[in-house]
Amino acid sequence: MSRRRATTWLCCTKAASSRPGLSRSSRETTGRRSRCGSRETRIASWKHCARPAPSATRRTTTSCGSSSGTAARPAISSPSRCRPACRSGTCSRACRPWRKSSPARSESPDATMPIHDQGYARYAGTRRPPGRAWWVIARNGIRRMFSSKLFLLVLLFAWMQFFVRGVVFYLAANFPQVEGFIAPTPATFRDFFDSQAFFVFIVAIYTGAGAIANDRQANALPLYLARPLTRWEYVAGKLTAVMAFLLLITWVQALLLLVLQTMFTGSLEFVREHAFLLPAVTAYGLLQSLVAAITIVALSSLSTSARYVGVMYAGAVIFTGAMFDVLRGITGSSAWSWLSFTASQQQVGDVIFGADPRYDTPWIVSLLIVAALIGLSVWILGRRVRGVEVVS
């Protein structure tokens, strides 16, 4: 019989601790305890729980079903973690170590493994003063719009009137033959805002229809408001993102037209003669942009679909204007202008620019209608923008 004999993998046997020839060092290990799975067991009881090192020679199957090399007797590794099936005292494949230990851990039986406490880690960065979180919302909304090529095309068309009127101002300043026909007046700037009303309508739908509706659809409002961000800061950020684009196609263009007029004439005479023009352009540009922005954002908080919000906004603007046109055609009076949001806004604009009101409705009534629309939008935003959904 060859000197090479098969070695049986004795796994998880408790007979080793009571063997008569057990050395003193092996008996001393019975006092130390180790983790095996999730319970504490004695090291001496689990001494042979590690699988022998593989051999390059042929494999021999033992009587208990496990295989081992025939070249040499494998060295017994250090105590390792075993499956709970190893505790039955039988030898089976279930006794294999469920996790391979590192060489350092195998060489040193007394090596300990640290347990790291995983707890809540506070933010260690620089904290900004409270009240500035709205700018993060606004900045992300503006960046998202500028990444859309279709929206950039809409903005390009919205600037076409500015380029056309810039050419007209140049011709009026350099060609006296046509100066009397196309010379700029305060009414020119008033008509500029009326012409931009269509693009205000389109840009408001494009930028504001999904301002809050998309967050409601994704259930992101609780996540936003769970952070150091109040609901009014959230609304201010969304409103700022929409107003930024509306002011870009109204107030900014009107100011640039004033600058072009001054540059082409080479003097400030036009600005001095119409000193009220700069405050009027600023006031009406802000009013026109605010009414459109806060209305579309309030409607956006009522739904989870941006398309449905766009339909609601278009219906409100078109339907109220159609009602006013029908009643004016029937009665022959423009006193019904208070029914139309657009007509009421135009009436207030005439007063701001110092022109005669175009409708028979008192301008104070039109101003109250505009103020009521803004107040209703604020009330809707206060009711709908919450961290939790209130079901009544």
Protein backbone atom coordinates (compact mmCIF):
# COMPACT_ATOMS: atom_id res chain seq x y z
CA MET A 1 0.00 0.00 0.00
CA SER A 2 1.38 3.38 -0.94
CA ARG A 3 2.57 5.77 1.75
CA ARG A 4 0.24 8.29 0.24
CA ARG A 5 -3.08 7.78 1.84
CA ALA A 6 -6.33 9.55 1.41
CA THR A 7 -7.20 12.10 4.00
CA THR A 8 -10.76 12.41 5.09
CA TRP A 9 -12.06 15.90 5.57
CA LEU A 10 -13.32 15.82 9.13
CA CYS A 11 -15.61 18.79 9.42
CA CYS A 12 -17.37 20.12 12.46
CA THR A 13 -16.71 17.13 14.74
CA LYS A 14 -16.72 17.51 18.44
CA ALA A 15 -14.67 14.38 19.03
CA ALA A 16 -11.41 16.29 18.66
CA SER A 17 -11.89 18.03 21.97
CA SER A 18 -12.22 14.73 23.91
CA ARG A 19 -9.45 12.79 22.12
CA PRO A 20 -6.89 11.36 24.62
CA GLY A 21 -3.88 12.58 22.68
CA LEU A 22 -5.02 16.17 22.44
CA SER A 23 -2.16 18.53 23.08
CA ARG A 24 -2.11 21.17 25.77
CA SER A 25 -2.21 24.00 23.26
CA SER A 26 -5.30 22.52 21.66
CA ARG A 27 -6.99 22.20 25.05
CA GLU A 28 -6.16 25.79 25.86
CA THR A 29 -7.98 26.99 22.80
CA THR A 30 -11.24 25.77 24.24
CA GLY A 31 -11.30 28.86 26.42
CA ARG A 32 -11.29 31.21 23.46
CA ARG A 33 -14.50 31.89 21.65
CA SER A 34 -15.15 32.85 18.03
CA ARG A 35 -18.11 33.76 15.90
CA CYS A 36 -19.43 30.96 13.64
CA GLY A 37 -22.38 32.20 11.65
CA SER A 38 -24.47 34.14 14.14
CA ARG A 39 -23.80 32.17 17.36
CA GLU A 40 -20.77 31.77 19.65
CA THR A 41 -18.98 28.40 19.55
CA ARG A 42 -15.75 27.09 20.97
CA ILE A 43 -12.73 27.15 18.66
CA ALA A 44 -11.64 23.61 19.54
CA SER A 45 -15.02 22.25 18.44
CA TRP A 46 -14.64 23.82 15.00
CA LYS A 47 -10.93 23.28 14.51
CA HIS A 48 -11.26 21.12 11.39
CA CYS A 49 -13.97 23.23 9.76
CA ALA A 50 -11.66 24.57 7.05
CA ARG A 51 -11.44 22.69 3.78
CA PRO A 52 -8.01 21.18 2.90
CA ALA A 53 -5.89 22.90 0.31
CA PRO A 54 -6.44 21.48 -3.22
CA SER A 55 -3.86 19.00 -4.49
CA ALA A 56 -2.40 18.78 -7.99
CA THR A 57 -2.67 14.98 -7.98
CA ARG A 58 -5.70 12.81 -8.50
CA ARG A 59 -8.71 13.14 -6.23
CA THR A 60 -9.89 10.33 -3.93
CA THR A 61 -13.43 10.16 -2.71
CA THR A 62 -13.77 9.24 0.94
CA SER A 63 -16.49 7.33 2.62
CA CYS A 64 -18.31 10.46 3.71
CA GLY A 65 -18.56 11.86 0.23
CA SER A 66 -15.90 14.60 0.31
CA SER A 67 -12.75 14.52 -1.81
CA SER A 68 -9.17 15.35 -0.95
CA GLY A 69 -5.71 15.24 -2.49
CA THR A 70 -3.47 12.18 -2.28
CA ALA A 71 -0.07 13.86 -2.48
CA ALA A 72 0.35 15.08 1.03
CA ARG A 73 -1.59 15.69 4.15
CA PRO A 74 -3.15 19.12 3.97
CA ALA A 75 -2.41 21.63 6.63
CA ILE A 76 -5.23 22.54 8.90
CA SER A 77 -6.11 26.18 8.51
CA SER A 78 -7.23 28.52 11.19
CA PRO A 79 -10.78 28.56 12.50
CA SER A 80 -13.16 30.08 10.01
CA ARG A 81 -16.82 30.82 9.73
CA CYS A 82 -19.03 27.85 8.91
CA ARG A 83 -22.58 27.41 7.87
CA PRO A 84 -25.11 26.35 10.51
CA ALA A 85 -25.29 22.94 8.78
CA CYS A 86 -21.77 22.19 10.09
CA ARG A 87 -23.04 21.94 13.64
CA SER A 88 -24.82 18.65 13.08
CA GLY A 89 -21.57 16.69 13.49
CA THR A 90 -21.93 15.06 10.07
CA CYS A 91 -19.61 15.41 7.11
CA SER A 92 -21.28 16.85 4.02
CA ARG A 93 -20.73 19.43 1.35
CA ALA A 94 -22.76 21.89 3.36
CA CYS A 95 -19.78 22.16 5.72
CA ARG A 96 -17.77 24.20 3.26
CA PRO A 97 -16.81 27.64 4.53
CA TRP A 98 -19.32 30.14 3.17
CA ARG A 99 -16.76 32.91 3.02
CA LYS A 100 -13.13 32.67 2.05
CA SER A 101 -10.85 34.21 4.62
CA SER A 102 -7.86 36.33 3.71
CA PRO A 103 -4.32 34.84 4.01
CA ALA A 104 -3.55 37.13 6.91
CA ARG A 105 -6.58 35.89 8.80
CA SER A 106 -5.67 32.23 8.10
CA GLU A 107 -2.13 32.64 9.32
CA SER A 108 -3.08 34.34 12.56
CA PRO A 109 -5.81 32.53 14.52
CA ASP A 110 -6.00 35.37 17.03
CA ALA A 111 -6.60 38.07 14.39
CA THR A 112 -9.65 40.20 15.08
CA MET A 113 -11.87 41.91 12.55
CA PRO A 114 -13.04 45.46 13.38
CA ILE A 115 -16.72 46.28 13.28
CA HIS A 116 -17.42 49.76 11.94
CA ASP A 117 -20.40 51.57 13.32
CA GLN A 118 -22.55 52.92 10.49
CA GLY A 119 -24.53 55.87 11.72
CA TYR A 120 -25.80 59.26 10.57
CA ALA A 121 -23.04 61.56 9.33
CA ARG A 122 -23.79 65.27 9.50
CA TYR A 123 -23.01 67.56 6.59
CA ALA A 124 -19.50 68.96 7.07
CA GLY A 125 -19.46 71.37 4.11
CA THR A 126 -20.09 75.09 3.96
CA ARG A 127 -23.69 76.00 4.72
CA ARG A 128 -25.28 78.88 2.87
CA PRO A 129 -27.47 81.36 4.69
CA PRO A 130 -31.18 80.47 4.70
CA GLY A 131 -33.35 82.03 2.04
CA ARG A 132 -31.15 81.29 -0.97
CA ALA A 133 -32.46 77.85 -1.84
CA TRP A 134 -34.90 79.34 -4.37
CA TRP A 135 -31.99 80.24 -6.65
CA VAL A 136 -31.02 76.56 -6.98
CA ILE A 137 -34.53 75.74 -8.24
CA ALA A 138 -34.52 78.71 -10.62
CA ARG A 139 -31.05 77.95 -11.97
CA ASN A 140 -31.90 74.34 -12.75
CA GLY A 141 -35.11 75.40 -14.51
CA ILE A 142 -33.29 77.95 -16.66
CA ARG A 143 -30.54 75.47 -17.52
CA ARG A 144 -33.09 72.84 -18.51
CA MET A 145 -34.84 75.23 -20.90
CA PHE A 146 -31.62 76.33 -22.56
CA SER A 147 -30.79 72.69 -23.30
CA SER A 148 -33.86 72.40 -25.56
CA LYS A 149 -33.17 73.22 -29.21
CA LEU A 150 -36.86 73.71 -29.96
CA PHE A 151 -37.15 76.28 -27.21
CA LEU A 152 -34.12 78.14 -28.51
CA LEU A 153 -35.85 78.29 -31.89
CA VAL A 154 -38.94 79.79 -30.23
CA LEU A 155 -36.76 82.41 -28.54
CA LEU A 156 -35.19 83.27 -31.87
CA PHE A 157 -38.60 83.98 -33.40
CA ALA A 158 -39.53 86.00 -30.30
CA TRP A 159 -36.55 88.30 -31.00
CA MET A 160 -37.48 88.93 -34.63
CA GLN A 161 -39.55 92.01 -33.78
CA PHE A 162 -36.60 93.51 -31.93
CA PHE A 163 -34.37 93.17 -34.99
CA VAL A 164 -37.03 94.64 -37.27
CA ARG A 165 -37.65 97.63 -35.02
CA GLY A 166 -33.90 98.12 -34.64
CA VAL A 167 -33.63 98.50 -38.42
CA VAL A 168 -36.54 100.95 -38.39
CA PHE A 169 -34.87 103.03 -35.67
CA TYR A 170 -31.68 103.10 -37.72
CA LEU A 171 -33.50 104.30 -40.83
CA ALA A 172 -35.35 106.99 -38.88
CA ALA A 173 -32.10 108.29 -37.37
CA ASN A 174 -30.04 108.35 -40.60
CA PHE A 175 -32.57 109.08 -43.35
CA PRO A 176 -34.53 112.30 -42.81
CA GLN A 177 -36.82 111.46 -45.74
CA VAL A 178 -38.57 108.73 -43.75
CA GLU A 179 -38.13 110.18 -40.28
CA GLY A 180 -41.62 111.60 -40.19
CA PHE A 181 -43.21 108.23 -40.94
CA ILE A 182 -41.25 105.81 -38.78
CA ALA A 183 -39.83 108.00 -36.01
CA PRO A 184 -40.13 106.24 -32.62
CA THR A 185 -42.63 107.56 -30.07
CA PRO A 186 -43.90 106.31 -26.69
CA ALA A 187 -46.74 104.63 -28.59
CA THR A 188 -44.11 102.63 -30.48
CA PHE A 189 -42.99 101.00 -27.26
CA ARG A 190 -46.59 100.48 -26.17
CA ASP A 191 -47.33 98.67 -29.44
CA PHE A 192 -44.17 96.64 -29.01
CA PHE A 193 -45.58 94.99 -25.88
CA ASP A 194 -48.89 94.27 -27.63
CA SER A 195 -47.04 92.59 -30.49
CA GLN A 196 -45.04 90.47 -28.07
CA ALA A 197 -48.20 89.19 -26.33
CA PHE A 198 -48.36 86.18 -28.66
CA PHE A 199 -44.80 85.12 -27.85
CA VAL A 200 -45.47 85.71 -24.15
CA PHE A 201 -48.34 83.24 -24.49
CA ILE A 202 -46.18 80.62 -26.23
CA VAL A 203 -43.14 80.96 -23.95
CA ALA A 204 -45.30 80.87 -20.82
CA ILE A 205 -46.81 77.54 -21.87
CA TYR A 206 -43.45 76.10 -22.89
CA THR A 207 -41.62 77.04 -19.69
CA GLY A 208 -44.36 76.99 -17.07
CA ALA A 209 -46.73 74.17 -17.97
CA GLY A 210 -44.48 71.52 -16.46
CA ALA A 211 -42.90 73.66 -13.74
CA ILE A 212 -44.76 71.95 -10.89
CA ALA A 213 -46.76 69.35 -12.82
CA ASN A 214 -43.64 67.35 -13.66
CA ASP A 215 -42.57 67.30 -10.01
CA ARG A 216 -46.03 66.19 -8.94
CA GLN A 217 -46.01 63.44 -11.54
CA ALA A 218 -42.67 62.15 -10.21
CA ASN A 219 -43.78 62.58 -6.55
CA ALA A 220 -40.78 64.84 -6.01
CA LEU A 221 -42.50 67.51 -3.90
CA PRO A 222 -42.06 65.59 -0.61
CA LEU A 223 -38.37 65.16 -1.43
CA TYR A 224 -37.93 68.87 -2.18
CA LEU A 225 -39.78 70.06 0.91
CA ALA A 226 -38.08 67.51 3.19
CA ARG A 227 -34.87 69.49 2.74
CA PRO A 228 -34.12 72.97 4.14
CA LEU A 229 -36.42 74.44 1.49
CA THR A 230 -39.74 76.07 2.27
CA ARG A 231 -42.66 75.80 -0.12
CA TRP A 232 -42.56 79.52 -0.88
CA GLU A 233 -38.89 79.26 -1.77
CA TYR A 234 -39.80 76.39 -4.07
CA VAL A 235 -42.56 78.47 -5.68
CA ALA A 236 -40.25 81.48 -5.97
CA GLY A 237 -37.65 79.36 -7.76
CA LYS A 238 -40.18 78.00 -10.26
CA LEU A 239 -41.69 81.44 -10.80
CA THR A 240 -38.28 83.03 -11.32
CA ALA A 241 -37.35 80.49 -13.99
CA VAL A 242 -40.51 81.27 -15.98
CA MET A 243 -40.31 85.04 -15.51
CA ALA A 244 -36.68 85.13 -16.61
CA PHE A 245 -37.62 84.02 -20.12
CA LEU A 246 -40.71 86.25 -20.26
CA LEU A 247 -38.68 89.30 -19.26
CA LEU A 248 -36.10 88.32 -21.85
CA ILE A 249 -38.63 88.76 -24.66
CA THR A 250 -40.41 91.83 -23.25
CA TRP A 251 -38.60 94.11 -20.83
CA VAL A 252 -35.05 93.36 -22.00
CA GLN A 253 -35.93 93.97 -25.63
CA ALA A 254 -37.72 97.24 -24.82
CA LEU A 255 -34.70 98.50 -22.88
CA LEU A 256 -32.38 97.54 -25.73
CA LEU A 257 -34.58 99.48 -28.15
CA LEU A 258 -34.14 102.56 -25.97
CA VAL A 259 -30.39 102.01 -26.03
CA LEU A 260 -30.40 101.63 -29.82
CA GLN A 261 -32.41 104.82 -30.22
CA THR A 262 -29.87 106.70 -28.13
CA MET A 263 -26.94 105.22 -30.04
CA PHE A 264 -28.39 105.93 -33.50
CA THR A 265 -29.28 109.55 -32.71
CA GLY A 266 -26.09 110.18 -30.72
CA SER A 267 -27.89 112.08 -27.95
CA LEU A 268 -30.16 111.60 -24.95
CA GLU A 269 -32.75 114.01 -26.24
CA PHE A 270 -35.38 111.33 -26.83
CA VAL A 271 -34.94 109.94 -23.31
CA ARG A 272 -35.09 113.40 -21.72
CA GLU A 273 -38.24 114.33 -23.61
CA HIS A 274 -39.94 111.12 -22.51
CA ALA A 275 -38.57 110.65 -19.02
CA PHE A 276 -41.53 108.50 -18.02
CA LEU A 277 -40.75 105.97 -20.74
CA LEU A 278 -38.09 104.04 -18.83
CA PRO A 279 -40.26 103.54 -15.69
CA ALA A 280 -43.26 102.71 -17.88
CA VAL A 281 -41.35 100.09 -19.84
CA THR A 282 -40.08 98.55 -16.61
CA ALA A 283 -43.46 98.55 -14.85
CA TYR A 284 -45.49 97.13 -17.72
CA GLY A 285 -42.81 94.59 -18.64
CA LEU A 286 -42.84 93.28 -15.07
CA LEU A 287 -46.66 93.29 -14.95
CA GLN A 288 -47.07 91.44 -18.23
CA SER A 289 -44.48 88.83 -17.30
CA LEU A 290 -45.74 88.37 -13.73
CA VAL A 291 -49.37 87.83 -14.73
CA ALA A 292 -48.48 85.22 -17.33
CA ALA A 293 -45.89 83.47 -15.14
CA ILE A 294 -47.88 83.21 -11.92
CA THR A 295 -51.01 82.08 -13.77
CA ILE A 296 -49.30 79.23 -15.62
CA VAL A 297 -47.37 78.13 -12.50
CA ALA A 298 -50.58 78.08 -10.44
CA LEU A 299 -52.32 75.98 -13.09
CA SER A 300 -49.27 73.70 -13.15
CA SER A 301 -49.80 72.93 -9.46
CA LEU A 302 -53.30 71.64 -10.18
CA SER A 303 -52.32 68.75 -12.42
CA THR A 304 -49.67 66.12 -13.03
CA SER A 305 -49.72 66.56 -16.82
CA ALA A 306 -47.90 69.44 -18.49
CA ARG A 307 -50.04 69.07 -21.62
CA TYR A 308 -53.25 69.38 -19.66
CA VAL A 309 -51.89 72.51 -17.97
CA GLY A 310 -51.10 74.04 -21.36
CA VAL A 311 -54.64 73.31 -22.54
CA MET A 312 -56.12 74.89 -19.41
CA TYR A 313 -54.02 78.04 -19.79
CA ALA A 314 -54.83 78.38 -23.48
CA GLY A 315 -58.51 77.80 -22.77
CA ALA A 316 -58.60 80.45 -20.04
CA VAL A 317 -56.95 83.08 -22.25
CA ILE A 318 -58.86 82.28 -25.43
CA PHE A 319 -62.25 81.66 -23.81
CA THR A 320 -62.30 84.90 -21.80
CA GLY A 321 -61.22 86.87 -24.86
CA ALA A 322 -63.92 85.22 -26.96
CA MET A 323 -66.59 86.04 -24.36
CA PHE A 324 -65.57 89.69 -24.43
CA ASP A 325 -65.65 89.84 -28.24
CA VAL A 326 -69.10 88.22 -28.40
CA LEU A 327 -70.62 90.54 -25.80
CA ARG A 328 -69.04 93.59 -27.41
CA GLY A 329 -70.46 92.53 -30.77
CA ILE A 330 -73.93 92.09 -29.29
CA THR A 331 -74.08 95.22 -27.13
CA GLY A 332 -71.72 97.43 -29.12
CA SER A 333 -69.92 98.43 -25.91
CA SER A 334 -66.41 97.62 -24.77
CA ALA A 335 -67.39 97.85 -21.12
CA TRP A 336 -67.22 94.04 -20.99
CA SER A 337 -63.45 94.11 -21.25
CA TRP A 338 -63.16 93.13 -17.58
CA LEU A 339 -64.18 89.59 -18.60
CA SER A 340 -60.95 89.17 -20.56
CA PHE A 341 -57.66 88.82 -18.73
CA THR A 342 -55.75 90.10 -21.74
CA ALA A 343 -58.04 93.11 -22.26
CA SER A 344 -57.80 94.09 -18.59
CA GLN A 345 -54.03 93.91 -18.77
CA GLN A 346 -53.98 96.06 -21.91
CA GLN A 347 -56.21 98.63 -20.23
CA VAL A 348 -53.77 98.94 -17.34
CA GLY A 349 -50.88 99.19 -19.82
CA ASP A 350 -52.47 102.18 -21.54
CA VAL A 351 -52.64 104.02 -18.24
CA ILE A 352 -49.01 103.17 -17.42
CA PHE A 353 -47.78 104.61 -20.74
CA GLY A 354 -49.92 107.72 -20.35
CA ALA A 355 -52.21 106.87 -23.28
CA ASP A 356 -55.99 107.02 -23.40
CA PRO A 357 -57.65 103.76 -22.28
CA ARG A 358 -58.85 101.77 -25.27
CA TYR A 359 -61.94 100.32 -23.57
CA ASP A 360 -64.94 101.83 -21.79
CA THR A 361 -64.22 99.90 -18.62
CA PRO A 362 -62.74 102.09 -15.85
CA TRP A 363 -59.05 101.36 -15.58
CA ILE A 364 -59.35 100.83 -11.83
CA VAL A 365 -61.71 97.92 -12.50
CA SER A 366 -59.21 96.42 -14.91
CA LEU A 367 -56.49 96.84 -12.28
CA LEU A 368 -58.64 95.04 -9.71
CA ILE A 369 -59.21 92.17 -12.14
CA VAL A 370 -55.46 91.81 -12.66
CA ALA A 371 -54.82 91.97 -8.90
CA ALA A 372 -57.55 89.38 -8.27
CA LEU A 373 -55.97 87.04 -10.82
CA ILE A 374 -52.59 87.34 -9.10
CA GLY A 375 -54.15 86.83 -5.66
CA LEU A 376 -56.07 83.75 -6.81
CA SER A 377 -52.90 82.26 -8.23
CA VAL A 378 -51.04 82.84 -4.96
CA TRP A 379 -53.87 81.19 -3.02
CA ILE A 380 -53.83 78.14 -5.31
CA LEU A 381 -50.07 77.79 -4.93
CA GLY A 382 -50.37 77.98 -1.15
CA ARG A 383 -52.98 75.23 -1.14
CA ARG A 384 -51.40 72.88 -3.66
CA VAL A 385 -47.68 73.08 -2.93
CA ARG A 386 -47.27 70.99 0.20
CA GLY A 387 -44.95 68.30 1.42
CA VAL A 388 -47.82 65.84 1.82
CA GLU A 389 -50.95 65.26 -0.20
CA VAL A 390 -54.08 66.39 1.63
CA VAL A 391 -57.14 64.33 0.67
CA SER A 392 -60.49 65.73 1.74
